[in-house]
N, C-alpha and C. Protein backbone atom coordinates (compact mmCIF):
# COMPACT_ATOMS: atom_id res chain seq x y z
N MET A 1 -24.71 73.20 53.90
CA MET A 1 -23.86 72.57 52.91
C MET A 1 -22.78 73.57 52.48
N PRO A 2 -21.49 73.24 52.69
CA PRO A 2 -20.42 74.16 52.32
C PRO A 2 -20.44 74.56 50.84
N ALA A 3 -20.90 73.68 49.97
CA ALA A 3 -20.91 73.98 48.54
C ALA A 3 -21.85 75.14 48.23
N LYS A 4 -22.80 75.41 49.09
CA LYS A 4 -23.79 76.46 48.83
C LYS A 4 -23.13 77.81 48.54
N LYS A 5 -22.05 78.14 49.27
CA LYS A 5 -21.38 79.42 49.05
C LYS A 5 -20.61 79.45 47.73
N ASP A 6 -20.24 78.29 47.20
CA ASP A 6 -19.49 78.21 45.95
C ASP A 6 -20.37 77.89 44.74
N MET A 7 -21.67 77.71 44.97
CA MET A 7 -22.56 77.26 43.90
C MET A 7 -22.69 78.32 42.81
N PRO A 8 -22.40 77.95 41.56
CA PRO A 8 -22.54 78.89 40.44
C PRO A 8 -23.99 79.36 40.27
N SER A 9 -24.14 80.54 39.73
CA SER A 9 -25.47 81.13 39.57
C SER A 9 -26.36 80.28 38.67
N THR A 10 -25.77 79.59 37.69
CA THR A 10 -26.59 78.74 36.81
C THR A 10 -27.26 77.64 37.61
N LEU A 11 -26.60 77.15 38.64
CA LEU A 11 -27.19 76.12 39.49
C LEU A 11 -28.20 76.71 40.46
N GLN A 12 -27.98 77.93 40.89
CA GLN A 12 -28.94 78.57 41.78
C GLN A 12 -30.29 78.77 41.09
N ARG A 13 -30.29 78.81 39.76
CA ARG A 13 -31.53 78.96 38.99
C ARG A 13 -32.06 77.61 38.50
N SER A 14 -31.49 76.53 38.99
CA SER A 14 -31.82 75.18 38.52
C SER A 14 -32.63 74.42 39.56
N PRO A 15 -33.20 73.27 39.15
CA PRO A 15 -33.98 72.47 40.09
C PRO A 15 -33.16 72.04 41.32
N LYS A 16 -33.87 71.80 42.40
CA LYS A 16 -33.22 71.41 43.66
C LYS A 16 -32.36 70.17 43.48
N LYS A 17 -32.81 69.20 42.70
CA LYS A 17 -32.05 67.97 42.48
C LYS A 17 -30.70 68.27 41.84
N ALA A 18 -30.65 69.20 40.90
CA ALA A 18 -29.38 69.59 40.27
C ALA A 18 -28.46 70.22 41.31
N GLN A 19 -29.02 71.07 42.15
CA GLN A 19 -28.23 71.72 43.20
C GLN A 19 -27.68 70.69 44.18
N GLU A 20 -28.51 69.72 44.55
CA GLU A 20 -28.08 68.67 45.48
C GLU A 20 -26.99 67.80 44.86
N THR A 21 -27.15 67.44 43.60
CA THR A 21 -26.16 66.61 42.92
C THR A 21 -24.81 67.32 42.89
N TRP A 22 -24.83 68.57 42.47
CA TRP A 22 -23.58 69.34 42.41
C TRP A 22 -22.99 69.52 43.81
N GLY A 23 -23.82 69.89 44.76
CA GLY A 23 -23.35 70.17 46.12
C GLY A 23 -22.74 68.97 46.81
N LYS A 24 -23.41 67.83 46.74
CA LYS A 24 -22.88 66.62 47.40
C LYS A 24 -21.56 66.19 46.76
N THR A 25 -21.50 66.24 45.44
CA THR A 25 -20.27 65.85 44.76
C THR A 25 -19.15 66.84 45.06
N HIS A 26 -19.49 68.13 45.06
CA HIS A 26 -18.49 69.16 45.35
C HIS A 26 -17.91 68.97 46.75
N ASP A 27 -18.78 68.78 47.74
CA ASP A 27 -18.31 68.62 49.11
C ASP A 27 -17.42 67.39 49.26
N SER A 28 -17.81 66.31 48.61
CA SER A 28 -17.01 65.09 48.65
C SER A 28 -15.65 65.32 47.98
N ALA A 29 -15.66 66.01 46.85
CA ALA A 29 -14.41 66.29 46.13
C ALA A 29 -13.50 67.22 46.93
N VAL A 30 -14.08 68.16 47.65
CA VAL A 30 -13.28 69.06 48.50
C VAL A 30 -12.57 68.24 49.59
N GLU A 31 -13.29 67.29 50.17
CA GLU A 31 -12.68 66.44 51.19
C GLU A 31 -11.52 65.63 50.61
N ARG A 32 -11.70 65.18 49.38
CA ARG A 32 -10.68 64.32 48.76
C ARG A 32 -9.52 65.11 48.15
N TYR A 33 -9.82 66.18 47.41
CA TYR A 33 -8.80 66.91 46.65
C TYR A 33 -8.47 68.29 47.22
N GLY A 34 -9.30 68.79 48.12
CA GLY A 34 -9.13 70.15 48.60
C GLY A 34 -9.98 71.11 47.78
N GLU A 35 -10.15 72.31 48.30
CA GLU A 35 -10.96 73.33 47.63
C GLU A 35 -10.27 73.78 46.34
N GLY A 36 -11.05 74.08 45.33
CA GLY A 36 -10.46 74.62 44.11
C GLY A 36 -11.07 74.07 42.85
N GLU A 37 -10.35 74.29 41.76
CA GLU A 37 -10.86 73.95 40.42
C GLU A 37 -11.18 72.47 40.28
N ARG A 38 -10.36 71.61 40.83
CA ARG A 38 -10.61 70.17 40.67
C ARG A 38 -11.93 69.76 41.32
N ALA A 39 -12.25 70.31 42.47
CA ALA A 39 -13.51 70.01 43.13
C ALA A 39 -14.69 70.49 42.29
N HIS A 40 -14.57 71.68 41.71
CA HIS A 40 -15.62 72.21 40.85
C HIS A 40 -15.79 71.35 39.59
N ARG A 41 -14.69 70.98 38.96
CA ARG A 41 -14.75 70.15 37.75
C ARG A 41 -15.41 68.81 38.05
N THR A 42 -15.04 68.22 39.18
CA THR A 42 -15.62 66.93 39.57
C THR A 42 -17.12 67.06 39.78
N ALA A 43 -17.55 68.13 40.43
CA ALA A 43 -18.98 68.35 40.66
C ALA A 43 -19.74 68.54 39.35
N PHE A 44 -19.15 69.30 38.42
CA PHE A 44 -19.82 69.49 37.12
C PHE A 44 -19.84 68.20 36.32
N ASP A 45 -18.78 67.41 36.39
CA ASP A 45 -18.77 66.12 35.69
C ASP A 45 -19.92 65.25 36.17
N SER A 46 -20.14 65.21 37.46
CA SER A 46 -21.23 64.43 38.03
C SER A 46 -22.58 64.98 37.58
N LEU A 47 -22.72 66.28 37.65
CA LEU A 47 -23.97 66.95 37.26
C LEU A 47 -24.34 66.63 35.81
N LYS A 48 -23.34 66.65 34.93
CA LYS A 48 -23.60 66.49 33.49
C LYS A 48 -24.03 65.08 33.10
N HIS A 49 -23.98 64.13 34.02
CA HIS A 49 -24.49 62.79 33.71
C HIS A 49 -26.02 62.75 33.79
N SER A 50 -26.62 63.67 34.55
CA SER A 50 -28.07 63.68 34.72
C SER A 50 -28.75 64.96 34.26
N PHE A 51 -27.96 66.02 34.03
CA PHE A 51 -28.52 67.32 33.67
C PHE A 51 -27.76 67.91 32.49
N GLU A 52 -28.43 68.80 31.76
CA GLU A 52 -27.79 69.53 30.67
C GLU A 52 -28.06 71.01 30.84
N LYS A 53 -27.13 71.82 30.39
CA LYS A 53 -27.29 73.26 30.50
C LYS A 53 -28.19 73.74 29.37
N VAL A 54 -29.21 74.50 29.74
CA VAL A 54 -30.15 75.07 28.77
C VAL A 54 -30.29 76.55 29.12
N GLY A 55 -29.67 77.38 28.32
CA GLY A 55 -29.72 78.82 28.60
C GLY A 55 -28.94 79.13 29.86
N ASP A 56 -29.62 79.68 30.85
CA ASP A 56 -28.96 80.14 32.07
C ASP A 56 -29.16 79.21 33.26
N HIS A 57 -29.59 77.95 33.00
CA HIS A 57 -29.83 77.00 34.09
C HIS A 57 -29.61 75.57 33.59
N TRP A 58 -29.78 74.60 34.49
CA TRP A 58 -29.62 73.18 34.17
C TRP A 58 -30.96 72.50 34.24
N GLU A 59 -31.22 71.58 33.29
CA GLU A 59 -32.46 70.82 33.24
C GLU A 59 -32.15 69.33 33.20
N PRO A 60 -33.05 68.49 33.74
CA PRO A 60 -32.81 67.04 33.70
C PRO A 60 -32.72 66.54 32.26
N LYS A 61 -31.82 65.60 32.03
CA LYS A 61 -31.69 64.96 30.72
C LYS A 61 -32.71 63.83 30.61
N ALA A 62 -33.13 63.54 29.40
CA ALA A 62 -34.07 62.45 29.19
C ALA A 62 -33.43 61.11 29.54
N GLU A 63 -32.15 60.96 29.23
CA GLU A 63 -31.42 59.73 29.53
C GLU A 63 -30.12 60.08 30.23
N LYS A 64 -29.84 59.38 31.32
CA LYS A 64 -28.60 59.61 32.04
C LYS A 64 -27.42 59.05 31.26
N GLY A 65 -26.28 59.68 31.45
CA GLY A 65 -25.06 59.20 30.81
C GLY A 65 -24.15 60.36 30.48
N PRO A 66 -22.96 60.04 29.98
CA PRO A 66 -21.99 61.09 29.66
C PRO A 66 -22.55 62.04 28.61
N SER A 67 -22.21 63.32 28.75
CA SER A 67 -22.74 64.32 27.85
C SER A 67 -21.83 64.62 26.66
N ASP A 68 -20.58 64.16 26.73
CA ASP A 68 -19.64 64.41 25.63
C ASP A 68 -18.49 63.42 25.74
N ASP A 69 -17.56 63.47 24.80
CA ASP A 69 -16.44 62.53 24.78
C ASP A 69 -15.59 62.63 26.03
N GLN A 70 -15.36 63.83 26.53
CA GLN A 70 -14.55 64.01 27.74
C GLN A 70 -15.22 63.34 28.94
N ALA A 71 -16.54 63.49 29.06
CA ALA A 71 -17.25 62.91 30.20
C ALA A 71 -17.28 61.38 30.13
N ALA A 72 -17.14 60.83 28.94
CA ALA A 72 -17.15 59.38 28.79
C ALA A 72 -15.82 58.75 29.18
N LYS A 73 -14.76 59.55 29.26
CA LYS A 73 -13.44 59.03 29.63
C LYS A 73 -13.35 58.81 31.13
N SER A 74 -12.42 57.95 31.50
CA SER A 74 -12.11 57.80 32.92
C SER A 74 -10.61 57.60 33.05
N GLY A 75 -10.11 57.74 34.24
CA GLY A 75 -8.69 57.54 34.46
C GLY A 75 -7.89 58.81 34.27
N PRO A 76 -6.55 58.69 34.20
CA PRO A 76 -5.65 59.86 34.13
C PRO A 76 -5.91 60.77 32.93
N ALA A 77 -6.25 60.20 31.77
CA ALA A 77 -6.49 61.03 30.59
C ALA A 77 -7.68 61.96 30.82
N ALA A 78 -8.70 61.47 31.51
CA ALA A 78 -9.87 62.31 31.79
C ALA A 78 -9.49 63.45 32.72
N ARG A 79 -8.66 63.17 33.70
CA ARG A 79 -8.28 64.22 34.65
C ARG A 79 -7.42 65.29 34.00
N ARG A 80 -6.67 64.93 32.98
CA ARG A 80 -5.84 65.92 32.30
C ARG A 80 -6.68 66.82 31.41
N GLY A 81 -7.90 66.41 31.09
CA GLY A 81 -8.77 67.25 30.26
C GLY A 81 -8.25 67.39 28.84
N THR A 82 -7.80 66.29 28.26
CA THR A 82 -7.22 66.34 26.92
C THR A 82 -8.27 66.48 25.82
N THR A 83 -9.50 66.18 26.13
CA THR A 83 -10.58 66.30 25.15
C THR A 83 -11.48 67.46 25.59
N PRO A 84 -11.81 68.37 24.68
CA PRO A 84 -12.68 69.49 25.09
C PRO A 84 -14.07 69.01 25.48
N THR A 85 -14.68 69.71 26.42
CA THR A 85 -16.04 69.38 26.83
C THR A 85 -17.02 70.17 25.96
N ALA A 86 -18.29 69.82 26.08
CA ALA A 86 -19.33 70.54 25.34
C ALA A 86 -19.97 71.60 26.23
N GLY A 87 -19.36 71.92 27.35
CA GLY A 87 -19.83 73.02 28.20
C GLY A 87 -21.22 72.84 28.76
N GLY A 88 -21.61 71.61 29.04
CA GLY A 88 -22.94 71.36 29.60
C GLY A 88 -23.98 70.99 28.57
N VAL A 89 -23.67 71.20 27.29
CA VAL A 89 -24.58 70.77 26.22
C VAL A 89 -24.44 69.25 26.10
N ASP A 90 -25.56 68.55 26.00
CA ASP A 90 -25.53 67.10 25.86
C ASP A 90 -25.23 66.74 24.40
N ALA A 91 -23.93 66.69 24.07
CA ALA A 91 -23.51 66.42 22.70
C ALA A 91 -23.88 65.02 22.25
N ASN A 92 -24.22 64.13 23.19
CA ASN A 92 -24.63 62.78 22.83
C ASN A 92 -26.13 62.67 22.60
N ALA A 93 -26.86 63.76 22.78
CA ALA A 93 -28.31 63.75 22.53
C ALA A 93 -28.56 63.68 21.02
N SER A 94 -29.78 63.37 20.67
CA SER A 94 -30.13 63.29 19.25
C SER A 94 -30.11 64.69 18.61
N LYS A 95 -29.94 64.70 17.30
CA LYS A 95 -29.97 65.98 16.59
C LYS A 95 -31.33 66.64 16.78
N ARG A 96 -32.39 65.84 16.81
CA ARG A 96 -33.74 66.37 17.01
C ARG A 96 -33.83 67.12 18.34
N HIS A 97 -33.26 66.53 19.41
CA HIS A 97 -33.28 67.18 20.72
C HIS A 97 -32.48 68.49 20.68
N LEU A 98 -31.30 68.43 20.09
CA LEU A 98 -30.48 69.64 19.99
C LEU A 98 -31.19 70.72 19.20
N MET A 99 -31.88 70.32 18.15
CA MET A 99 -32.63 71.27 17.32
C MET A 99 -33.75 71.93 18.15
N GLU A 100 -34.42 71.14 18.99
CA GLU A 100 -35.48 71.69 19.84
C GLU A 100 -34.90 72.71 20.84
N LEU A 101 -33.76 72.39 21.43
CA LEU A 101 -33.12 73.34 22.34
C LEU A 101 -32.72 74.61 21.59
N ALA A 102 -32.19 74.45 20.39
CA ALA A 102 -31.80 75.61 19.57
C ALA A 102 -33.02 76.47 19.25
N ARG A 103 -34.14 75.84 19.02
CA ARG A 103 -35.38 76.58 18.76
C ARG A 103 -35.78 77.35 20.02
N ARG A 104 -35.73 76.69 21.19
CA ARG A 104 -36.09 77.35 22.45
C ARG A 104 -35.19 78.54 22.74
N LEU A 105 -33.90 78.44 22.36
CA LEU A 105 -32.94 79.51 22.62
C LEU A 105 -32.81 80.47 21.45
N ASP A 106 -33.65 80.27 20.43
CA ASP A 106 -33.70 81.15 19.26
C ASP A 106 -32.33 81.29 18.58
N VAL A 107 -31.70 80.13 18.32
CA VAL A 107 -30.41 80.11 17.64
C VAL A 107 -30.66 80.32 16.15
N PRO A 108 -30.09 81.39 15.57
CA PRO A 108 -30.31 81.64 14.15
C PRO A 108 -29.57 80.63 13.28
N GLY A 109 -30.18 80.24 12.16
CA GLY A 109 -29.54 79.34 11.20
C GLY A 109 -29.56 77.88 11.61
N ARG A 110 -30.29 77.55 12.65
CA ARG A 110 -30.27 76.19 13.20
C ARG A 110 -30.74 75.13 12.20
N SER A 111 -31.65 75.46 11.31
CA SER A 111 -32.22 74.46 10.41
C SER A 111 -31.20 73.89 9.42
N THR A 112 -30.11 74.59 9.20
CA THR A 112 -29.10 74.10 8.24
C THR A 112 -27.84 73.60 8.94
N MET A 113 -27.83 73.55 10.27
CA MET A 113 -26.63 73.17 11.00
C MET A 113 -26.48 71.66 11.14
N SER A 114 -25.23 71.23 11.16
CA SER A 114 -24.92 69.84 11.49
C SER A 114 -25.04 69.68 13.00
N LYS A 115 -24.96 68.44 13.46
CA LYS A 115 -25.06 68.19 14.90
C LYS A 115 -23.93 68.90 15.64
N ARG A 116 -22.71 68.83 15.13
CA ARG A 116 -21.58 69.49 15.78
C ARG A 116 -21.79 71.00 15.81
N GLU A 117 -22.31 71.57 14.73
CA GLU A 117 -22.57 73.02 14.69
C GLU A 117 -23.65 73.40 15.70
N LEU A 118 -24.66 72.53 15.85
CA LEU A 118 -25.71 72.80 16.83
C LEU A 118 -25.13 72.83 18.24
N VAL A 119 -24.26 71.87 18.56
CA VAL A 119 -23.64 71.83 19.89
C VAL A 119 -22.87 73.13 20.14
N GLU A 120 -22.08 73.55 19.16
CA GLU A 120 -21.30 74.79 19.31
C GLU A 120 -22.21 76.01 19.45
N ALA A 121 -23.27 76.05 18.65
CA ALA A 121 -24.20 77.18 18.72
C ALA A 121 -24.94 77.20 20.07
N LEU A 122 -25.27 76.02 20.59
CA LEU A 122 -25.93 75.96 21.89
C LEU A 122 -24.99 76.40 23.02
N GLN A 123 -23.72 76.04 22.90
CA GLN A 123 -22.75 76.51 23.90
C GLN A 123 -22.72 78.05 23.93
N LYS A 124 -22.69 78.66 22.75
CA LYS A 124 -22.67 80.12 22.67
C LYS A 124 -23.97 80.72 23.21
N ALA A 125 -25.10 80.10 22.84
CA ALA A 125 -26.40 80.60 23.31
C ALA A 125 -26.50 80.48 24.83
N ASN A 126 -26.03 79.37 25.39
CA ASN A 126 -26.04 79.19 26.85
C ASN A 126 -25.19 80.26 27.53
N ALA A 127 -24.01 80.52 26.98
CA ALA A 127 -23.12 81.54 27.57
C ALA A 127 -23.78 82.91 27.51
N ARG A 128 -24.44 83.21 26.39
CA ARG A 128 -25.12 84.50 26.24
C ARG A 128 -26.24 84.64 27.27
N GLU A 129 -27.05 83.59 27.42
CA GLU A 129 -28.16 83.62 28.38
C GLU A 129 -27.66 83.74 29.81
N THR A 130 -26.55 83.07 30.12
CA THR A 130 -25.98 83.15 31.46
C THR A 130 -25.47 84.56 31.75
N ARG A 131 -24.82 85.18 30.76
CA ARG A 131 -24.35 86.56 30.94
C ARG A 131 -25.54 87.50 31.19
N LYS A 132 -26.60 87.33 30.42
CA LYS A 132 -27.78 88.18 30.60
C LYS A 132 -28.38 88.01 31.99
N ALA A 133 -28.48 86.78 32.45
CA ALA A 133 -29.09 86.50 33.75
C ALA A 133 -28.21 86.98 34.89
N SER A 134 -26.90 86.95 34.70
CA SER A 134 -25.97 87.34 35.76
C SER A 134 -25.75 88.85 35.82
N GLY A 135 -26.04 89.52 34.71
CA GLY A 135 -25.76 90.96 34.62
C GLY A 135 -26.78 91.77 35.24
C-alpha cells in the first residue's frame, strides 16, 4: 500500500482498521488529487468519522459520524477549511465521554471545564502525548 510510507506515527500506533481506513482513503485521494496535503486531509477526514485521537494514537468511536463542525460540512466551503477542526478530538461526543478521556490523559482542572474547554485541553494533551511518543 503506497500510503504505508506516508502513514503518520499516530496511525502506526493505532488499530489495523484505523490504518486501513486512512490508507485506502489516502491512496484513492492521491489518485484523484495527487500526492500532498489534500490527500492527507481527505484521509484524516475519513478516519475521523470512525476514530478519535486519544493521546498518541487513534481509537474507535462509540458512534460513527462527523467529529466536529468542519467534518460535518461538505462541498467547497469544507475544502477551503473555513471552520477549525478539533484535531481528532470527537467534539460531538458527550461531555461525559470527553471527561473520561481527560481523566485517562490526566488533564488538570478537567472537573471545572466546559465542553469546549475539554475539547481544547484534549487537543493539547493529544499533541503532548504524540510528541512524547515520537521523541
